[in-house]
């Protein structure tokens, strides 16, 4: 699968010396790995978002009803 962006990137890299091309590849590799991590977390968050909303609503209700206790940070 090719796109205009990939073609543009290839042309830009071809204009660089080989040592610089290797540096660009390393930077791109790191950048793509970071993007993949972000995409993974976004997907995971979307899958659990309704559960998080439900838990927050339940907690607010428990606080309003006086069932919640302040957190004892010494017990963590």
C-alpha atoms as a PDB file:
ATOM      1  CA  UNK A   1       0.000   0.000   0.000  1.00  0.00           C
ATOM      2  CA  UNK A   2       1.482   3.295  -1.095  1.00  0.00           C
ATOM      3  CA  UNK A   3       0.337   6.804  -0.427  1.00  0.00           C
ATOM      4  CA  UNK A   4       1.355  10.292  -1.397  1.00  0.00           C
ATOM      5  CA  UNK A   5       2.809  10.782   2.080  1.00  0.00           C
ATOM      6  CA  UNK A   6       5.047   7.720   1.758  1.00  0.00           C
ATOM      7  CA  UNK A   7       6.172   8.802  -1.713  1.00  0.00           C
ATOM      8  CA  UNK A   8       6.994  12.278  -0.400  1.00  0.00           C
ATOM      9  CA  UNK A   9       8.905  10.845   2.555  1.00  0.00           C
ATOM     10  CA  UNK A  10      10.861   8.502   0.283  1.00  0.00           C
ATOM     11  CA  UNK A  11      11.865  11.376  -2.010  1.00  0.00           C
ATOM     12  CA  UNK A  12      12.918  13.496   0.968  1.00  0.00           C
ATOM     13  CA  UNK A  13      15.023  10.679   2.385  1.00  0.00           C
ATOM     14  CA  UNK A  14      16.655   9.925  -0.962  1.00  0.00           C
ATOM     15  CA  UNK A  15      18.045  13.457  -0.982  1.00  0.00           C
ATOM     16  CA  UNK A  16      19.919  12.802   2.276  1.00  0.00           C
ATOM     17  CA  UNK A  17      23.305  11.132   2.710  1.00  0.00           C
ATOM     18  CA  UNK A  18      23.044   7.479   3.729  1.00  0.00           C
ATOM     19  CA  UNK A  19      24.164   8.130   7.307  1.00  0.00           C
ATOM     20  CA  UNK A  20      21.408  10.717   7.702  1.00  0.00           C
ATOM     21  CA  UNK A  21      18.905   8.269   6.183  1.00  0.00           C
ATOM     22  CA  UNK A  22      19.771   5.787   8.926  1.00  0.00           C
ATOM     23  CA  UNK A  23      19.223   8.468  11.567  1.00  0.00           C
ATOM     24  CA  UNK A  24      15.836   9.323  10.079  1.00  0.00           C
ATOM     25  CA  UNK A  25      14.853   5.655  10.044  1.00  0.00           C
ATOM     26  CA  UNK A  26      15.746   5.303  13.735  1.00  0.00           C
ATOM     27  CA  UNK A  27      13.737   8.408  14.633  1.00  0.00           C
ATOM     28  CA  UNK A  28      10.789   7.208  12.570  1.00  0.00           C
ATOM     29  CA  UNK A  29      10.972   3.760  14.158  1.00  0.00           C
ATOM     30  CA  UNK A  30      10.748   5.315  17.639  1.00  0.00           C
ATOM     31  CA  UNK A  31       7.985   7.676  16.539  1.00  0.00           C
ATOM     32  CA  UNK A  32       5.910   4.862  14.987  1.00  0.00           C
ATOM     33  CA  UNK A  33       6.325   2.726  18.113  1.00  0.00           C
ATOM     34  CA  UNK A  34       5.055   5.624  20.230  1.00  0.00           C
ATOM     35  CA  UNK A  35       2.097   6.127  17.885  1.00  0.00           C
ATOM     36  CA  UNK A  36       1.253   2.429  18.079  1.00  0.00           C
ATOM     37  CA  UNK A  37       1.315   2.612  21.890  1.00  0.00           C
ATOM     38  CA  UNK A  38      -1.002   5.638  21.834  1.00  0.00           C
ATOM     39  CA  UNK A  39      -3.391   3.893  19.443  1.00  0.00           C
ATOM     40  CA  UNK A  40      -3.415   0.819  21.681  1.00  0.00           C
ATOM     41  CA  UNK A  41      -4.248   2.910  24.765  1.00  0.00           C
ATOM     42  CA  UNK A  42      -6.942   4.849  22.881  1.00  0.00           C
ATOM     43  CA  UNK A  43      -8.606   1.593  21.787  1.00  0.00           C
ATOM     44  CA  UNK A  44      -8.334   0.130  25.287  1.00  0.00           C
ATOM     45  CA  UNK A  45      -9.769   3.278  26.860  1.00  0.00           C
ATOM     46  CA  UNK A  46     -12.701   3.359  24.415  1.00  0.00           C
ATOM     47  CA  UNK A  47     -13.493  -0.265  25.250  1.00  0.00           C
ATOM     48  CA  UNK A  48     -13.661   0.493  28.977  1.00  0.00           C
ATOM     49  CA  UNK A  49     -15.013   4.052  28.889  1.00  0.00           C
ATOM     50  CA  UNK A  50     -18.588   3.046  29.746  1.00  0.00           C
ATOM     51  CA  UNK A  51     -17.313   1.029  32.711  1.00  0.00           C
ATOM     52  CA  UNK A  52     -15.297   4.008  33.922  1.00  0.00           C
ATOM     53  CA  UNK A  53     -18.346   6.282  33.632  1.00  0.00           C
ATOM     54  CA  UNK A  54     -20.454   3.771  35.583  1.00  0.00           C
ATOM     55  CA  UNK A  55     -17.821   3.490  38.312  1.00  0.00           C
ATOM     56  CA  UNK A  56     -17.580   7.297  38.598  1.00  0.00           C
ATOM     57  CA  UNK A  57     -21.368   7.618  38.848  1.00  0.00           C
ATOM     58  CA  UNK A  58     -21.506   4.885  41.484  1.00  0.00           C
ATOM     59  CA  UNK A  59     -18.752   6.588  43.487  1.00  0.00           C
ATOM     60  CA  UNK A  60     -20.510   9.957  43.339  1.00  0.00           C
ATOM     61  CA  UNK A  61     -23.725   8.319  44.514  1.00  0.00           C
ATOM     62  CA  UNK A  62     -21.930   6.567  47.395  1.00  0.00           C
ATOM     63  CA  UNK A  63     -20.324   9.849  48.447  1.00  0.00           C
ATOM     64  CA  UNK A  64     -23.667  11.673  48.294  1.00  0.00           C
ATOM     65  CA  UNK A  65     -25.316   8.919  50.375  1.00  0.00           C
ATOM     66  CA  UNK A  66     -22.536   9.065  52.960  1.00  0.00           C
ATOM     67  CA  UNK A  67     -21.279   5.546  52.251  1.00  0.00           C
ATOM     68  CA  UNK A  68     -17.808   6.604  51.192  1.00  0.00           C
ATOM     69  CA  UNK A  69     -14.931   7.096  53.599  1.00  0.00           C
ATOM     70  CA  UNK A  70     -11.894   9.308  53.078  1.00  0.00           C
ATOM     71  CA  UNK A  71      -8.917   7.391  51.735  1.00  0.00           C
ATOM     72  CA  UNK A  72      -6.347   6.430  54.351  1.00  0.00           C
ATOM     73  CA  UNK A  73      -3.101   6.961  52.465  1.00  0.00           C
ATOM     74  CA  UNK A  74      -1.177   5.190  55.230  1.00  0.00           C
ATOM     75  CA  UNK A  75      -2.919   1.938  54.307  1.00  0.00           C
ATOM     76  CA  UNK A  76      -1.722   2.008  50.689  1.00  0.00           C
END
